[in-house]
Protein backbone atom coordinates (compact mmCIF):
# COMPACT_ATOMS: atom_id res chain seq x y z
CA MET A 1 7.60 -29.41 -35.64
CA GLU A 2 8.21 -30.02 -31.96
CA LEU A 3 5.53 -28.99 -29.47
CA ILE A 4 6.91 -28.11 -26.04
CA ARG A 5 4.49 -27.81 -23.14
CA ASP A 6 6.09 -25.21 -20.92
CA ASP A 7 5.78 -21.58 -19.93
CA GLY A 8 7.09 -19.66 -22.94
CA ARG A 9 9.07 -17.14 -20.98
CA ARG A 10 10.65 -19.80 -18.78
CA PHE A 11 11.58 -21.87 -21.83
CA VAL A 12 13.24 -18.92 -23.57
CA ALA A 13 15.20 -18.06 -20.42
CA ARG A 14 16.48 -21.62 -19.91
CA THR A 15 17.00 -23.01 -23.41
CA GLU A 16 20.51 -23.55 -24.72
CA GLU A 17 19.31 -23.78 -28.33
CA ARG A 18 19.79 -20.91 -30.77
CA PHE A 19 17.00 -20.06 -33.18
CA ASP A 20 16.92 -18.33 -36.55
CA ALA A 21 13.55 -16.73 -35.78
CA VAL A 22 11.33 -16.21 -32.76
CA ILE A 23 7.69 -15.20 -33.28
CA VAL A 24 5.94 -14.01 -30.13
CA ALA A 25 2.21 -14.60 -30.57
CA ALA A 26 1.22 -13.35 -27.14
CA ARG A 27 -1.91 -11.33 -26.41
CA PRO A 28 -1.65 -7.55 -26.02
CA PRO A 29 -0.35 -6.66 -22.54
CA ARG A 30 -3.65 -5.84 -20.83
CA CYS A 31 -2.66 -7.62 -17.61
CA ALA A 32 0.45 -8.81 -15.82
CA GLN A 33 0.23 -12.27 -17.38
CA SER A 34 0.42 -11.07 -21.00
CA ASN A 35 2.66 -8.10 -20.17
CA ARG A 36 5.50 -10.47 -19.21
CA TYR A 37 5.95 -11.23 -22.95
CA HIS A 38 6.42 -7.56 -23.79
CA THR A 39 8.99 -6.42 -21.23
CA LEU A 40 12.64 -5.50 -21.60
CA GLU A 41 13.68 -8.56 -19.59
CA PHE A 42 11.85 -10.94 -21.95
CA VAL A 43 13.18 -9.25 -25.09
CA GLU A 44 16.72 -9.56 -23.68
CA ALA A 45 16.11 -13.28 -23.07
CA VAL A 46 14.90 -13.67 -26.66
CA ARG A 47 18.06 -12.02 -27.97
CA ARG A 48 20.19 -14.52 -26.04
CA ALA A 49 18.19 -17.37 -27.63
CA LEU A 50 18.70 -16.10 -31.20
CA ALA A 51 21.40 -17.14 -33.65
CA PRO A 52 23.81 -14.32 -34.69
CA GLU A 53 21.61 -13.42 -37.68
CA GLY A 54 18.32 -14.36 -36.07
CA SER A 55 15.26 -12.15 -35.85
CA VAL A 56 12.28 -11.71 -33.57
CA THR A 57 8.72 -10.64 -34.37
CA LEU A 58 6.29 -9.18 -31.82
CA LEU A 59 2.86 -7.58 -32.12
CA ALA A 60 1.59 -4.23 -30.85
CA PRO A 61 -1.85 -2.55 -31.08
CA GLY A 62 -2.41 -0.92 -34.44
CA GLY A 63 -5.10 0.47 -36.72
CA ALA A 64 -6.21 0.30 -40.34
CA ASN A 65 -5.17 3.89 -41.12
CA VAL A 66 -5.13 6.04 -37.96
CA LEU A 67 -4.00 4.95 -34.51
CA ALA A 68 -6.03 5.77 -31.44
CA PRO A 69 -3.93 7.77 -28.95
CA GLU A 70 -3.75 4.78 -26.59
CA ALA A 71 -2.68 2.47 -29.43
CA ALA A 72 0.02 4.90 -30.55
CA ARG A 73 1.34 5.19 -27.01
CA ALA A 74 1.33 1.42 -26.53
CA ALA A 75 3.09 0.93 -29.88
CA ALA A 76 5.67 3.59 -28.99
CA SER A 77 6.40 1.77 -25.74
CA ALA A 78 6.71 -1.58 -27.55
CA ALA A 79 9.04 -0.11 -30.20
CA ALA A 80 11.21 1.58 -27.56
CA THR A 81 11.44 -1.65 -25.54
CA VAL A 82 12.52 -3.71 -28.55
CA GLY A 83 14.82 -0.93 -29.75
CA ALA A 84 16.63 -0.91 -26.41
CA VAL A 85 17.79 -4.48 -27.11
CA PHE A 86 18.09 -4.75 -30.92
CA GLU A 87 19.97 -2.37 -33.17
CA HIS A 88 17.76 -2.87 -36.22
CA VAL A 89 13.96 -2.55 -35.88
CA VAL A 90 11.27 -2.44 -38.59
CA LEU A 91 7.59 -1.58 -37.98
CA VAL A 92 4.89 -2.85 -40.33
CA PRO A 93 1.48 -1.12 -40.11
CA GLY A 94 -1.82 -2.99 -39.88
CA LEU A 95 -4.68 -3.77 -37.53
CA GLU A 96 -1.84 -5.09 -35.38
CA ILE A 97 1.58 -3.54 -35.84
CA SER A 98 4.25 -6.17 -36.35
CA ILE A 99 7.66 -5.31 -34.94
CA HIS A 100 10.61 -7.13 -36.56
CA ALA A 101 14.07 -6.81 -35.04
CA SER A 102 17.56 -8.22 -35.35
CA SER A 103 21.04 -7.54 -34.06
CA SER A 104 22.54 -7.95 -37.53
CA LYS A 105 22.24 -5.35 -40.26
CA GLY A 106 20.14 -6.29 -43.28
CA VAL A 107 18.30 -9.21 -41.66
CA VAL A 108 15.02 -7.30 -41.27
CA SER A 109 13.82 -4.98 -44.02
CA ASP A 110 10.76 -2.98 -45.06
CA ASP A 111 11.80 -2.86 -48.72
CA PRO A 112 9.19 -4.78 -50.78
CA ALA A 113 11.69 -5.62 -53.52
CA VAL A 114 14.19 -7.13 -51.06
CA LEU A 115 11.55 -9.26 -49.37
CA ALA A 116 10.03 -10.43 -52.67
CA ASP A 117 13.48 -11.45 -53.92
CA ARG A 118 14.16 -13.39 -50.71
CA LEU A 119 10.86 -15.25 -50.99
CA LEU A 120 11.45 -16.23 -54.63
CA SER A 121 15.13 -17.12 -54.19
CA ARG A 122 14.29 -19.57 -51.43
CA GLY A 123 11.78 -21.39 -53.60
CA ALA A 124 8.79 -20.67 -51.40
CA ARG A 125 5.56 -21.11 -53.33
CA THR A 126 2.08 -20.69 -51.88
CA PRO A 127 -1.21 -19.82 -53.63
CA SER A 128 -2.37 -17.72 -50.67
CA PHE A 129 0.47 -15.17 -50.87
CA SER A 130 2.06 -13.47 -53.84
CA PRO A 131 5.39 -11.62 -53.56
CA ARG A 132 3.63 -8.56 -55.03
CA ARG A 133 1.61 -8.24 -51.83
CA PHE A 134 4.72 -6.83 -50.15
CA GLU A 135 4.12 -3.63 -52.13
CA SER A 136 0.72 -3.07 -50.48
CA LEU A 137 1.77 -4.24 -47.03
CA LEU A 138 4.88 -2.05 -47.02
CA GLU A 139 3.64 1.05 -48.84
CA PRO A 140 6.18 3.81 -47.97
CA GLY A 141 3.52 6.41 -47.19
CA ARG A 142 1.79 4.16 -44.63
CA ILE A 143 5.08 3.31 -42.98
CA ALA A 144 6.06 6.98 -42.75
CA ARG A 145 2.65 7.87 -41.32
CA LEU A 146 2.95 5.09 -38.74
CA ARG A 147 6.35 6.36 -37.65
CA GLU A 148 5.01 9.91 -37.41
CA GLN A 149 2.16 8.84 -35.13
CA ILE A 150 4.38 6.71 -32.91
CA ASP A 151 7.16 9.32 -32.65
CA ALA A 152 4.61 11.81 -31.31
CA TRP A 153 4.55 9.84 -28.06
CA PRO A 154 7.35 9.28 -25.56
CA GLY A 155 8.63 5.75 -25.93
CA ARG A 156 8.69 4.53 -22.35
CA ILE A 157 10.48 1.23 -21.95
CA ASN A 158 8.27 -1.48 -20.48
CA THR A 159 9.95 -3.54 -17.74
CA ASP A 160 8.92 -6.18 -15.21
CA ALA A 161 9.27 -3.68 -12.38
CA ARG A 162 7.49 -0.89 -14.28
CA PRO A 163 4.75 -2.44 -16.44
CA PHE A 164 3.91 0.73 -18.33
CA ALA A 165 2.55 -1.02 -21.43
CA TYR A 166 -0.50 -2.62 -19.90
CA LEU A 167 -1.94 0.70 -18.71
CA SER A 168 -2.10 1.99 -22.31
CA ASN A 169 -3.64 -1.29 -23.44
CA LEU A 170 -6.24 -1.12 -20.67
CA GLN A 171 -7.19 2.36 -21.87
CA LEU A 172 -7.41 1.12 -25.46
CA TRP A 173 -9.55 -1.82 -24.36
CA GLU A 174 -11.87 0.51 -22.45
CA ARG A 175 -12.20 2.78 -25.49
CA SER A 176 -13.02 -0.15 -27.80
CA LEU A 177 -15.73 -1.38 -25.41
CA SER A 178 -17.31 2.07 -25.23
CA GLY A 179 -18.53 2.03 -28.85
CA ASP A 180 -19.50 5.47 -30.13
CA ARG A 181 -18.96 6.95 -26.67
CA GLY A 182 -15.30 6.00 -26.88
CA ALA A 183 -14.65 7.75 -30.19
CA GLY A 184 -13.45 10.92 -28.51
CA GLY A 185 -12.55 12.31 -25.15
CA SER A 186 -10.88 10.59 -22.26
CA THR A 187 -11.29 7.16 -20.71
CA TRP A 188 -11.86 6.47 -17.04
CA THR A 189 -8.51 4.68 -16.87
CA GLY A 190 -6.81 7.64 -18.56
CA ALA A 191 -8.39 10.08 -16.12
CA ALA A 192 -7.28 7.91 -13.20
CA GLU A 193 -3.72 7.96 -14.56
CA ARG A 194 -3.67 11.77 -14.90
CA TRP A 195 -4.90 12.15 -11.33
CA ALA A 196 -2.61 9.45 -9.95
CA PRO A 197 -0.82 11.79 -7.48
CA ALA A 198 -4.18 12.75 -5.94
CA TRP A 199 -4.54 9.29 -4.42
CA LEU A 200 -1.61 10.18 -2.19
CA ALA A 201 -2.16 13.93 -1.87
CA ILE A 202 -5.80 13.78 -0.70
CA PRO A 203 -5.29 11.58 2.40
CA LEU A 204 -2.14 13.51 3.31
CA PHE A 205 -4.01 16.82 2.97
CA LEU A 206 -6.91 15.59 5.11
CA TRP A 207 -4.45 14.35 7.74
CA ALA A 208 -2.65 17.72 7.77
CA VAL A 209 -5.93 19.63 8.13
CA TRP A 210 -6.96 17.40 11.02
CA ARG A 211 -3.61 17.05 12.80
CA ILE A 212 -1.48 20.17 12.41
CA PRO A 213 -3.73 22.94 13.86
CA ARG A 214 -3.85 21.20 17.25
CA ARG A 215 -0.59 19.66 18.24
CA ALA A 216 -2.07 17.93 21.26
CA ARG A 217 -4.56 15.79 19.40
CA SER A 218 -5.88 12.64 21.06
CA PRO A 219 -3.42 9.74 20.73
CA SER A 220 -6.36 7.50 19.86
CA GLY A 221 -6.92 9.50 16.66
CA ASP A 222 -3.27 9.10 15.70
CA ALA A 223 -3.54 5.37 16.35
CA ILE A 224 -6.62 5.05 14.16
CA PHE A 225 -4.86 6.90 11.33
CA SER A 226 -1.90 4.55 11.78
CA ILE A 227 -4.26 1.57 11.54
CA ALA A 228 -5.67 2.98 8.29
CA THR A 229 -2.23 3.51 6.77
CA THR A 230 -1.12 0.07 7.95
CA GLY A 231 -4.13 -1.44 6.18
CA ALA A 232 -3.23 0.49 3.04
CA ALA A 233 0.38 -0.67 3.21
CA ALA A 234 -0.57 -4.32 3.78
CA MET A 235 -3.04 -4.43 0.89
CA ALA A 236 -0.70 -2.56 -1.46
CA VAL A 237 2.24 -4.85 -0.72
CA GLU A 238 0.02 -7.89 -1.26
CA ILE A 239 -1.15 -6.50 -4.64
CA VAL A 240 2.48 -6.00 -5.71
CA VAL A 241 3.34 -9.50 -4.43
CA LEU A 242 0.61 -10.98 -6.64
CA TYR A 243 1.85 -8.98 -9.63
CA ALA A 244 5.47 -10.03 -9.08
CA PHE A 245 4.49 -13.68 -8.66
CA GLN A 246 2.52 -13.65 -11.90
CA ALA A 247 5.31 -11.90 -13.78
CA ALA A 248 7.76 -14.54 -12.58
CA SER A 249 5.65 -17.68 -12.93
CA GLY A 250 3.08 -16.84 -15.60
CA ARG A 251 0.13 -17.82 -13.43
CA VAL A 252 -1.52 -16.40 -10.37
CA TYR A 253 -4.69 -18.34 -9.59
CA THR A 254 -2.96 -21.56 -8.59
CA GLY A 255 -0.32 -19.67 -6.64
CA MET A 256 -2.82 -17.43 -4.89
CA ALA A 257 -3.54 -20.08 -2.28
CA ALA A 258 0.10 -20.10 -1.19
CA ILE A 259 0.43 -16.30 -1.32
CA VAL A 260 -2.75 -15.57 0.65
CA GLY A 261 -2.17 -18.53 2.94
CA VAL A 262 1.31 -17.45 4.03
CA PHE A 263 0.14 -13.84 4.36
CA MET A 264 -2.65 -14.86 6.72
CA ALA A 265 -0.29 -17.17 8.62
CA GLY A 266 2.16 -14.30 9.00
CA LEU A 267 -0.69 -12.01 10.04
CA GLY A 268 -1.76 -14.44 12.77
CA LEU A 269 1.78 -15.01 14.00
CA GLY A 270 2.53 -11.29 13.97
CA ALA A 271 -0.66 -10.50 15.87
CA HIS A 272 0.24 -13.11 18.49
CA LEU A 273 3.73 -11.66 18.92
CA GLY A 274 2.41 -8.10 18.94
CA ARG A 275 -0.04 -8.98 21.71
CA ARG A 276 2.81 -10.27 23.83
CA LEU A 277 4.89 -7.10 23.59
CA PRO A 278 5.42 -5.28 26.91
CA ARG A 279 2.56 -2.97 27.81
CA GLY A 280 5.12 -0.43 28.98
CA LEU A 281 5.65 0.61 25.39
CA SER A 282 2.65 2.96 25.85
CA ALA A 283 2.62 5.83 23.34
CA ALA A 284 6.03 4.96 21.96
CA GLY A 285 4.59 1.65 20.76
CA GLY A 286 2.65 3.43 18.04
CA ALA A 287 5.81 5.02 16.68
CA VAL A 288 7.60 1.67 16.79
CA ALA A 289 4.74 -0.03 14.91
CA ASP A 290 4.61 2.69 12.26
CA GLY A 291 8.38 2.57 11.93
CA ALA A 292 8.30 -1.19 11.36
CA VAL A 293 5.69 -0.88 8.60
CA LEU A 294 7.67 2.00 7.07
CA ALA A 295 10.79 -0.19 7.02
CA LEU A 296 8.77 -2.95 5.34
CA LEU A 297 7.66 -0.55 2.60
CA LEU A 298 11.19 0.75 2.04
CA ALA A 299 12.49 -2.78 1.65
CA SER A 300 9.53 -3.96 -0.46
CA GLY A 301 10.50 -1.86 -3.49
CA PRO A 302 13.81 -3.55 -4.38
CA ALA A 303 12.74 -6.94 -2.98
CA LEU A 304 9.56 -7.20 -5.04
CA ALA A 305 11.26 -5.79 -8.13
CA ALA A 306 13.62 -8.77 -7.84
CA ALA A 307 10.66 -11.07 -7.13
CA ALA A 308 9.31 -10.37 -10.64
CA SER A 309 11.86 -12.94 -11.80
CA ALA A 310 11.82 -15.18 -8.69
CA ALA A 311 8.38 -16.47 -7.69
CA TRP A 312 9.57 -17.95 -4.38
CA LEU A 313 10.70 -14.52 -3.18
CA ALA A 314 7.19 -13.13 -3.76
CA VAL A 315 5.69 -15.88 -1.59
CA ALA A 316 8.28 -15.35 1.15
CA TRP A 317 7.70 -11.60 1.12
CA SER A 318 3.95 -12.14 1.48
CA ALA A 319 4.61 -13.99 4.75
CA LEU A 320 6.91 -11.23 5.98
CA ALA A 321 4.38 -8.53 5.11
CA GLY A 322 1.70 -10.41 7.03
CA ALA A 323 3.93 -10.79 10.09
CA VAL A 324 4.95 -7.11 10.21
CA THR A 325 1.45 -5.73 9.73
CA GLY A 326 -0.03 -8.34 12.04
CA ALA A 327 2.34 -7.31 14.82
CA ALA A 328 1.52 -3.64 14.32
CA PHE A 329 -2.24 -3.97 14.74
CA PRO A 330 -2.36 -5.09 18.42
CA VAL A 331 0.03 -2.31 19.40
CA LEU A 332 -1.97 0.38 17.62
CA ILE A 333 -5.33 -0.94 18.81
CA GLY A 334 -4.07 -1.15 22.39
CA LEU A 335 -2.80 2.42 22.19
CA ALA A 336 -6.13 3.73 20.90
CA ALA A 337 -8.22 1.71 23.34
CA ALA A 338 -6.15 2.83 26.34
CA ARG A 339 -7.02 6.47 25.64
CA ARG A 340 -10.67 6.01 24.68
CA ALA A 341 -13.29 4.93 27.16
CA GLY A 342 -16.68 3.87 25.93
CA ASP A 343 -18.61 1.18 24.16
CA GLU A 344 -16.24 -1.56 22.96
CA ARG A 345 -18.40 -2.03 19.86
CA ARG A 346 -17.72 1.56 18.80
CA LEU A 347 -14.01 1.09 19.32
CA ALA A 348 -14.02 -2.12 17.30
CA SER A 349 -16.01 -0.50 14.49
CA SER A 350 -13.57 2.42 14.35
CA PHE A 351 -10.60 0.09 14.09
CA GLU A 352 -12.28 -2.12 11.48
CA ALA A 353 -13.46 0.83 9.38
CA ALA A 354 -10.01 2.43 9.44
CA ASP A 355 -8.32 -0.81 8.40
CA HIS A 356 -10.77 -1.47 5.55
CA ALA A 357 -10.76 2.13 4.31
CA GLY A 358 -6.97 2.10 4.16
CA ALA A 359 -6.96 -1.31 2.45
CA ALA A 360 -9.45 -0.06 -0.16
CA LEU A 361 -7.27 2.96 -0.93
CA GLY A 362 -4.07 0.93 -1.04
CA GLY A 363 -5.57 -1.81 -3.22
CA PHE A 364 -7.20 0.46 -5.80
CA ALA A 365 -4.46 3.08 -6.07
CA THR A 366 -1.72 0.47 -6.27
CA GLY A 367 -3.30 -2.10 -8.58
CA VAL A 368 -5.02 0.20 -11.05
CA ILE A 369 -2.85 3.32 -11.14
CA TRP A 370 0.47 3.53 -9.34
CA LEU A 371 1.98 0.18 -10.32
CA PRO A 372 1.69 0.62 -14.12
CA VAL A 373 2.37 4.38 -13.97
CA TRP A 374 5.41 4.45 -11.70
CA GLY A 375 6.45 0.84 -11.16
CA ILE A 376 7.08 -1.28 -8.10
CA GLU A 377 9.76 0.73 -6.32
CA THR A 378 8.17 4.17 -6.72
CA THR A 379 4.78 2.76 -5.66
CA CYS A 380 6.28 1.52 -2.42
CA LEU A 381 7.93 4.91 -1.86
CA LEU A 382 4.58 6.66 -2.38
CA LEU A 383 3.04 4.48 0.30
CA CYS A 384 5.94 5.46 2.54
CA GLY A 385 4.53 9.01 2.36
CA LEU A 386 1.37 7.86 4.13
CA LYS A 387 3.35 5.99 6.75
CA VAL A 388 5.68 8.95 7.36
CA ALA A 389 2.60 11.09 8.07
CA ALA A 390 1.29 8.51 10.53
CA LEU A 391 4.70 8.25 12.20
CA ALA A 392 4.89 12.04 12.48
CA GLY A 393 1.51 12.04 14.21
CA GLN A 394 2.71 9.47 16.72
CA ILE A 395 5.89 11.46 17.44
CA LEU A 396 3.91 14.68 17.89
CA GLY A 397 1.62 12.84 20.26
CA ILE A 398 4.56 11.61 22.33
CA ARG A 399 6.04 15.11 22.55
CA SER A 400 2.67 16.60 23.48
CA GLY A 401 2.26 14.00 26.23
CA ARG A 402 5.67 14.82 27.67
CA ALA A 403 4.93 18.54 27.57
CA GLY A 404 1.64 17.92 29.40
CA ARG A 405 3.45 16.11 32.20
């Protein structure tokens, strides 16, 4: 036996060796760190590391006799992900479902007689396992029942950019922690998933109710809404950056210093540059700031999807996100302050509250719901919806100001 101290995923991606068998003993994908061993990209890397008649074994949530809905959905996703890479896949029921796959026909089997013959023909002898146990482990009725339960759910492929699997495992984990209360009904995580669109629809609806009836709304109100959506965008992009970095490197705590550090450095530099922009931008400055953040969000989808396999890109994008959002804040604050006379403390509290409220929405909706449900690119597009609304408010404000003159 040779013990190699390395990140498992990185080793599989870089090795030039070819193996007869790969057994993935990773934890269930309840977070980004463990999910990286259950994605399509990792399974493809394992296939490249296998000999022509090699096989791979992975684990998925299971059950003694009946699968919980979340376990069945997670297992369906795992089976679909493996099946997208390997032509021959066998599922073995148990407290944890073992998924065995190979590119060559006949390598993996769920026939007890075939497996018992292989074990005996190779001279393997152990007092802890008898070849007859294959008959109980691979009872045809249990296998058929397992397939029936899994086939009842759509098998969504789990990828680095769309980590669908860990949402189902989070729901299963929540149900198992709930004891008797989790035996039936929904979970909080499941309810949050079903209402995922509401986290975008509610702020857009409130903005429409506030903004549309009166076209000549105060520009300061538009600026404050822009600050809120900028805060949401900045926090959401940073959450996705952290996810992409962890997916690429396998760790996040030690890299968090660099990610947060460069974000804050970019924020400071952007704020300094934004403060030095010409004051003649006036109302148009708000539209420019919103447009810059919108462009950042549009570019973040494909960039951070690629960063899931390149940790350095996640760090670099964190700095860029800080610079863009940092430059937007002075412009938006200056626009709001120029149109609102009064106590500076009230102005500052309005700006701070808007920024933090937007950041809270962006952080929760992105990290808990949108990222695992829709993936990196769609999440960034959803956030674009908020920024488009803010940009529309700025443009309406500019047109109203011209009409007033």
